[in-house]
Amino acid sequence: MKTYRLLRKDEIEILEKQSCTAQEWSTIEVDINFDPKYIHNTRFSGVVKLGVFKEEFTLAGGIQKHSGISNSTLHNVTIGDNCCIENIKNYIANYIIGNNTFIENVDIILVDGKSKFGNGTEVAVLNETGGREVYIHDRLSAHQAYIMALYRHRPQLICQMKSIIFKYAEENASDVGTIGNNVTIVDAGYIKNVRIGDFCKIEGAGRLKNGSINSCKVAPVHIGYGVVCDDFIISSGSSLEDGTMLTRCFIGQACHLGHTYSASDSLFFSNCQEENGEACAIFAGPFTVTHHKSTLLIAGMFSFMNAGSGSNQSNHMYKLGPIHQGAMERGAKTTSDSYILWPARIGAFSLVMGRHVNHSDTSNLPFSYLIEQQNTTYLVPGANLRSVGTIRDAQKWPKRDGRTDPNRLDQINYNLLSPYTIQKMINGMSILKDLRKVSGETSDIYAYQSAKIKNSSLNNGIHFYEMAVNKFLGNSVIKRLEGLIPEDDSSIRERLQPDTEIGKGEW
């Protein structure tokens, strides 16, 4: 615990000679080893506490600046050791600033009244008119957000989750903000009611209002030029660059947003990369990627998804307003100039090509192609299972996990074949066989969920799904028998018996 003392008379005289003024010198406390030498042209008001100024900062280009305070107005501020605070155009008010922090050429940094720093902000995800709201907070994970958005049939659960989040937000509310240790804030504009973690770098941000930047030493956050954020939470290891604009958004760990990307009422979880385009009311699970100016993601749920240029969705039935939503299950992709009219549900690891307006639900036919020909949706089940790109994707995702924070919020399953996708393929085989049985084996075209399936595509789909299921079951049996030296059949059967209740029933 740091020990403070009041300023001595000779120190006050030195400060006054250096163009410093105070509303009341008696409300300023300093470290016992305080030296006034490095404080110039500064106005103090309220309760101010100052550390020591002994170290130098080495800036880019090799220039050195000694820690100290100059050309600033401070009100109710505590400053740690060896900070450099220069050229504050307006003032800094109601903040505790850590050690070795560098603040220069900033317009204003303040906390005005009691703030929750973004915690408890309501994000109208998926349905813009409300009904699937997620309340964001510092520890939000993709799993918790999923339950909050989609388990509305469990009102007691949702009510309990809300009360836990609101309690956390209230416990963390304060009329004093914090700026951590080793933080850099330069050439920034308006910063109000923002909590800033250790080792964060803010360079040229336009406006940051009501949020938390959960930076830390092992996973620092970078906020670049022209960034504007209102009602937000940014998790460790993320970067926002070049004119990114966010309103009521949660940014997960190791995300990158840049090149004038704009988003409102959206959630982005671990390792998302968003550039150039825009998002509205989306639930972007881990590894949701979009890089193109013409791409709009709206009112959808995505994960491990890559959006092609010009990808677009509509959530309006124009008489009713923006009440519709859709889901592209994990690993789905869109090609250039693709379009989906919500509501629709696209199966896992599927490829969407062309314009689709028939509200298809292909969730039980994963690894499919959805192709539009003359305003008709054609479905090619299982075709993506033979694509080398699908295997490549599954291998690249773990390598692209940029999270360096050991405290990981999202638990990510990278497996291409998992009980989830295998269950879907078993369902898919059953659906395709039933279609063949009902419509006859010689039919040229089969109809399913507003989509058409060609005869050859249906037969190939059954074949692809059978191969994938057999491969997964074979791998699972081999894994289960690993390390066993069997004496007879009974020892193998015994090893294959389940030893836990977990995993029974549908995933």
Foldseek 3Di string as FASTA:
>chain_A
DFDKDQDDPVLVVVAVVQQEEEPDSRLEIEGPPADSPAEHNEYEYAREYYYHFDDWDQDPVGDIDTAHEYCAYEYCEYEEYREHAYDAQDYEYQEYEYAQEYHYQEDYAFEDPKALLLQQQWFQFLFPVHDQTDGDDQQDELVVSCCSRPVVVCVVVNVVVSVVSVVVSVVNIDSHEYAYYCEYAYLEYEHYCEHHYPNEYEEAEDYHERHYEAEDDQFYEYEEHQEYEYSEYAYGNEYEYANEYEYNEYHEHNEYEYANEYEYSEYAYFHEYYYQDYEYNEDEHDHEYEHENLDYHYSEYEYLEYEEANEEEAQDPPVPPNGFHDYEDYQEYEYHNEYEYDPAYHAHNEYEYHYADQRFYLNLQHLWYFYDDPRATAIQGNPNLPPPVLVVSLVVVVVSRPGRDPPHSYDDDSDPDDLQNLVSLVSVLVVLVVQCVVVHLPDQWTDDRRHIYGSVSSVVNNVNSVVSNVVVVVVVLCVLCPPPDDPDPVVSVVSPDDPDPPPPDHD
